[in-house]
């Protein structure tokens, strides 16, 4: 009997922005974003293989846009709603192979910035894992059913970091609005919802710290969200943040204090808002 063997390779490309360093699979990247504001023409991205196998990564620029909920989606270079930075940036090397626990830096250089008009330009430097030949040529089936179809799922991981050029003086501000408390349900715990508003010529970026406050008592940290951005041209971003359900805290009284700070300026406060419970 003739069986059709169909190999389906599913490629999962995950572009993530997280904490002080980005990690996906066995690749650790620092810093999590690059900003060229005229003070530096060359910066470095540090890559580290924290896994047990040698890995190769191809490096390129990709374009993303962010929606009002902070979700990224891929867009073409021809999109006219965004200003892209990749034409004024170059990097070396373009491919990196790292042995287990090995590290290497990638140099990123700004070029021809004098040709740019004032404003913000953003692209994302993308590090894509390249499957080795053994994995790609492996003929062993992952799943074989009565139809004779063999499905082989081989994920290819990638990670991206925002790479930004700022031209001109910054004139940007942030504010918080619409904050409300959501009581715990049968499945989810307590949470808060609010909006980060952006105005001005550049994106805003910072950390969100949430404290529970009772009069005369020391504030208790109940949530922390680092590396939150509202990218141009968006004017706001909706935030839904679960709270740590710490024993002894009574969310029927007291105050929830929300603070948005700038980690690049010694955690300078950009905005704050309170919820009276």
Protein backbone atom coordinates (compact mmCIF):
# COMPACT_ATOMS: atom_id res chain seq x y z
CA UNK A 1 0.00 0.00 0.00
CA UNK A 2 1.25 3.40 -0.94
CA UNK A 3 1.35 5.96 1.81
CA UNK A 4 1.85 9.60 1.22
CA UNK A 5 4.41 11.01 3.61
CA UNK A 6 3.97 14.70 4.05
CA UNK A 7 6.48 16.54 6.21
CA UNK A 8 5.16 19.76 7.66
CA UNK A 9 7.71 22.04 9.27
CA UNK A 10 6.08 24.64 11.43
CA UNK A 11 8.24 27.68 12.00
CA UNK A 12 7.46 29.58 15.16
CA UNK A 13 9.03 33.02 15.12
CA UNK A 14 8.60 34.70 18.47
CA UNK A 15 9.48 38.41 18.69
CA UNK A 16 9.56 39.30 22.36
CA UNK A 17 10.36 42.33 24.52
CA UNK A 18 10.97 41.51 28.10
CA UNK A 19 12.78 42.54 31.29
CA UNK A 20 16.37 43.89 31.37
CA UNK A 21 17.56 41.31 28.88
CA UNK A 22 15.67 39.39 26.24
CA UNK A 23 15.72 35.59 26.24
CA UNK A 24 14.11 33.12 23.88
CA UNK A 25 15.13 29.51 23.75
CA UNK A 26 18.81 29.43 24.74
CA UNK A 27 19.73 32.95 23.54
CA UNK A 28 20.20 35.77 26.04
CA UNK A 29 20.44 39.33 24.66
CA UNK A 30 21.46 42.56 26.41
CA UNK A 31 20.42 45.32 26.29
CA UNK A 32 16.76 44.90 25.36
CA UNK A 33 16.66 48.03 23.20
CA UNK A 34 19.03 50.45 21.50
CA UNK A 35 18.44 54.19 21.27
CA UNK A 36 20.66 56.45 19.14
CA UNK A 37 20.11 60.04 20.27
CA UNK A 38 23.23 61.66 18.86
CA UNK A 39 25.46 60.99 21.86
CA UNK A 40 26.70 57.68 20.38
CA UNK A 41 27.17 56.57 16.82
CA UNK A 42 28.08 52.96 17.66
CA UNK A 43 26.53 50.60 20.20
CA UNK A 44 26.86 46.90 20.98
CA UNK A 45 24.38 44.10 21.50
CA UNK A 46 25.68 41.23 23.62
CA UNK A 47 24.60 37.68 22.79
CA UNK A 48 25.07 34.68 25.07
CA UNK A 49 24.25 31.02 24.46
CA UNK A 50 22.92 29.71 27.77
CA UNK A 51 22.06 26.30 26.33
CA UNK A 52 23.92 23.01 25.95
CA UNK A 53 24.15 22.95 22.14
CA UNK A 54 25.94 25.09 19.58
CA UNK A 55 23.53 27.48 17.86
CA UNK A 56 23.70 29.75 14.82
CA UNK A 57 21.69 32.95 14.45
CA UNK A 58 21.05 35.02 11.35
CA UNK A 59 20.64 38.73 12.06
CA UNK A 60 18.44 41.12 10.10
CA UNK A 61 16.09 44.07 10.46
CA UNK A 62 12.33 43.58 10.58
CA UNK A 63 9.47 46.05 10.96
CA UNK A 64 6.73 45.87 13.58
CA UNK A 65 3.89 48.07 14.69
CA UNK A 66 2.28 48.09 18.11
CA UNK A 67 -1.48 48.24 18.68
CA UNK A 68 -3.28 49.92 21.57
CA UNK A 69 -2.94 46.74 23.68
CA UNK A 70 0.81 46.44 23.21
CA UNK A 71 0.60 43.60 20.67
CA UNK A 72 3.17 43.65 17.85
CA UNK A 73 2.40 42.73 14.26
CA UNK A 74 4.72 42.54 11.27
CA UNK A 75 4.48 45.25 8.61
CA UNK A 76 6.28 45.76 5.27
CA UNK A 77 9.01 48.33 4.64
CA UNK A 78 6.52 50.19 2.45
CA UNK A 79 4.18 51.00 5.34
CA UNK A 80 3.80 54.81 5.40
CA UNK A 81 2.44 55.05 8.96
CA UNK A 82 5.88 54.37 10.44
CA UNK A 83 9.38 55.83 10.13
CA UNK A 84 11.97 53.07 9.89
CA UNK A 85 15.55 53.19 11.18
CA UNK A 86 17.15 50.32 9.26
CA UNK A 87 18.26 52.43 6.28
CA UNK A 88 20.41 54.49 8.63
CA UNK A 89 21.85 51.62 10.63
CA UNK A 90 24.35 48.92 9.82
CA UNK A 91 25.56 46.02 11.90
CA UNK A 92 28.32 43.41 11.96
CA UNK A 93 28.47 40.42 11.89
CA UNK A 94 25.30 39.26 10.16
CA UNK A 95 25.59 35.65 11.36
CA UNK A 96 26.73 34.48 14.78
CA UNK A 97 27.56 30.92 15.87
CA UNK A 98 27.81 30.38 19.60
CA UNK A 99 29.08 27.30 21.40
CA UNK A 100 27.46 26.45 24.74
CA UNK A 101 28.04 29.23 27.28
CA UNK A 102 29.83 31.33 24.67
CA UNK A 103 29.17 35.05 24.19
CA UNK A 104 29.74 37.53 21.38
CA UNK A 105 28.86 41.14 20.66
CA UNK A 106 27.25 42.62 17.54
CA UNK A 107 28.16 46.19 16.65
CA UNK A 108 25.40 48.51 15.43
CA UNK A 109 26.37 51.82 13.83
CA UNK A 110 24.26 54.83 12.88
CA UNK A 111 25.03 56.27 9.43
CA UNK A 112 23.87 59.27 7.38
CA UNK A 113 21.86 60.70 10.27
CA UNK A 114 22.28 64.18 8.76
CA UNK A 115 19.87 63.10 6.00
CA UNK A 116 17.03 62.49 8.47
CA UNK A 117 14.32 64.98 9.37
CA UNK A 118 13.50 65.53 13.08
CA UNK A 119 11.50 62.71 14.62
CA UNK A 120 11.74 59.09 15.72
CA UNK A 121 12.80 56.22 13.47
CA UNK A 122 12.38 52.60 14.64
CA UNK A 123 13.17 49.14 13.32
CA UNK A 124 13.70 45.86 15.15
CA UNK A 125 16.96 43.93 15.08
CA UNK A 126 15.96 40.30 14.67
CA UNK A 127 18.01 37.27 15.73
CA UNK A 128 16.69 34.11 14.09
CA UNK A 129 17.85 30.67 15.13
CA UNK A 130 19.08 28.54 12.21
CA UNK A 131 18.31 24.83 12.46
CA UNK A 132 21.36 22.64 12.06
CA UNK A 133 21.52 20.10 9.26
CA UNK A 134 20.88 17.18 11.56
CA UNK A 135 17.60 18.61 12.75
CA UNK A 136 16.47 19.58 9.27
CA UNK A 137 17.37 16.19 7.80
CA UNK A 138 15.97 14.02 10.55
CA UNK A 139 13.60 11.52 8.95
CA UNK A 140 12.18 10.13 12.17
CA UNK A 141 8.43 10.83 12.37
CA UNK A 142 6.95 12.82 15.22
CA UNK A 143 3.39 11.71 14.59
CA UNK A 144 2.14 9.08 12.17
CA UNK A 145 -1.57 8.34 11.87
CA UNK A 146 -3.70 6.01 9.77
CA UNK A 147 -3.67 8.37 6.79
CA UNK A 148 0.06 7.92 6.33
CA UNK A 149 0.74 11.59 6.96
CA UNK A 150 3.86 12.28 8.99
CA UNK A 151 3.92 15.59 10.83
CA UNK A 152 7.27 16.91 12.00
CA UNK A 153 7.19 20.09 14.07
CA UNK A 154 10.57 21.78 14.28
CA UNK A 155 10.39 25.21 15.90
CA UNK A 156 12.75 27.95 14.79
CA UNK A 157 13.05 30.59 17.48
CA UNK A 158 13.86 34.24 17.09
CA UNK A 159 13.98 37.35 19.21
CA UNK A 160 13.94 41.03 18.34
CA UNK A 161 14.95 44.25 20.06
CA UNK A 162 13.75 47.74 19.21
CA UNK A 163 16.44 49.87 17.58
CA UNK A 164 15.57 53.56 17.60
CA UNK A 165 17.02 56.78 16.20
CA UNK A 166 16.00 60.11 17.73
CA UNK A 167 16.59 63.24 15.67
CA UNK A 168 15.99 66.60 17.35
CA UNK A 169 15.18 67.62 20.89
CA UNK A 170 12.81 65.44 22.88
CA UNK A 171 9.42 66.96 23.63
CA UNK A 172 7.37 64.12 25.07
CA UNK A 173 5.20 63.50 28.13
CA UNK A 174 3.21 60.65 29.66
CA UNK A 175 0.08 60.43 31.76
CA UNK A 176 -2.05 57.68 33.30
CA UNK A 177 -5.84 57.62 33.12
CA UNK A 178 -8.93 55.42 33.50
CA UNK A 179 -7.54 53.33 36.36
CA UNK A 180 -9.92 50.79 37.87
CA UNK A 181 -9.73 47.77 40.15
CA UNK A 182 -11.03 44.38 39.01
CA UNK A 183 -12.08 42.01 41.79
CA UNK A 184 -10.86 38.43 41.85
CA UNK A 185 -13.04 35.93 40.01
CA UNK A 186 -13.40 32.17 40.13
CA UNK A 187 -10.38 31.73 37.86
CA UNK A 188 -8.37 34.95 37.79
CA UNK A 189 -7.09 36.88 40.78
CA UNK A 190 -7.46 40.64 41.35
CA UNK A 191 -6.14 42.99 38.68
CA UNK A 192 -6.08 46.60 37.58
CA UNK A 193 -6.72 48.26 34.25
CA UNK A 194 -5.57 51.69 33.11
CA UNK A 195 -4.28 53.61 30.13
CA UNK A 196 -0.82 55.08 29.43
CA UNK A 197 -1.13 58.21 27.31
CA UNK A 198 1.71 59.56 25.18
CA UNK A 199 2.13 63.01 23.67
CA UNK A 200 5.05 64.56 21.83
CA UNK A 201 7.56 63.62 19.16
CA UNK A 202 9.10 60.43 20.62
CA UNK A 203 7.98 57.13 22.12
CA UNK A 204 7.77 56.71 25.88
CA UNK A 205 9.31 53.85 27.82
CA UNK A 206 9.34 52.97 31.49
CA UNK A 207 8.46 50.71 34.40
CA UNK A 208 5.12 50.34 36.17
CA UNK A 209 5.15 49.92 39.94
CA UNK A 210 1.94 49.28 41.89
CA UNK A 211 1.66 49.66 45.67
CA UNK A 212 -1.14 48.93 48.13
CA UNK A 213 -1.37 51.72 50.69
CA UNK A 214 -3.15 52.01 54.02
CA UNK A 215 -2.93 55.25 56.05
CA UNK A 216 -0.05 55.14 58.53
CA UNK A 217 1.39 51.90 57.14
CA UNK A 218 4.29 51.12 54.84
CA UNK A 219 3.29 50.65 51.16
CA UNK A 220 3.29 47.05 49.91
CA UNK A 221 4.36 46.32 46.35
CA UNK A 222 1.65 44.26 44.65
CA UNK A 223 2.75 44.43 40.99
CA UNK A 224 5.76 45.36 38.89
CA UNK A 225 5.94 45.56 35.09
CA UNK A 226 9.25 46.55 33.50
CA UNK A 227 10.02 47.79 30.02
CA UNK A 228 6.62 49.14 29.00
CA UNK A 229 6.60 51.22 25.82
CA UNK A 230 4.11 53.29 23.89
CA UNK A 231 5.63 53.56 20.44
CA UNK A 232 4.95 56.27 17.91
CA UNK A 233 2.58 57.01 16.29
CA UNK A 234 0.32 55.51 19.01
CA UNK A 235 -1.14 57.98 21.49
CA UNK A 236 -2.02 55.47 24.22
CA UNK A 237 -1.70 51.87 25.39
CA UNK A 238 -4.17 49.85 27.42
CA UNK A 239 -2.69 48.02 30.39
CA UNK A 240 -4.23 45.07 32.23
CA UNK A 241 -2.05 43.99 35.12
CA UNK A 242 -2.69 41.12 37.58
CA UNK A 243 -1.97 41.88 41.23
CA UNK A 244 -0.07 39.73 43.68
CA UNK A 245 -2.69 38.33 46.04
CA UNK A 246 -0.67 38.75 49.22
CA UNK A 247 -2.19 37.29 52.43
CA UNK A 248 -3.47 39.98 54.75
CA UNK A 249 -4.26 42.55 52.07
CA UNK A 250 -7.90 43.62 52.05
CA UNK A 251 -8.76 45.01 48.63
CA UNK A 252 -12.04 46.37 50.00
CA UNK A 253 -10.26 49.32 51.60
CA UNK A 254 -7.14 51.41 51.19
CA UNK A 255 -5.55 52.84 48.04
CA UNK A 256 -3.80 51.33 45.03
CA UNK A 257 -1.02 53.67 43.87
CA UNK A 258 0.25 53.27 40.29
CA UNK A 259 3.52 54.88 39.24
CA UNK A 260 5.15 55.08 35.79
CA UNK A 261 8.90 55.77 36.00
CA UNK A 262 11.83 56.21 33.60
CA UNK A 263 14.63 53.68 34.33
CA UNK A 264 17.07 55.59 32.09
CA UNK A 265 16.74 58.64 34.38
CA UNK A 266 17.20 57.06 37.81
CA UNK A 267 13.54 56.00 37.93
CA UNK A 268 12.26 59.55 37.58
CA UNK A 269 8.47 59.61 37.90
CA UNK A 270 6.69 60.35 34.62
CA UNK A 271 3.15 59.97 35.92
CA UNK A 272 1.08 58.48 38.74
CA UNK A 273 -2.54 57.72 39.56
CA UNK A 274 -4.47 56.22 42.47
CA UNK A 275 -7.48 53.95 42.86
CA UNK A 276 -9.54 54.43 46.02
CA UNK A 277 -10.89 51.05 47.09
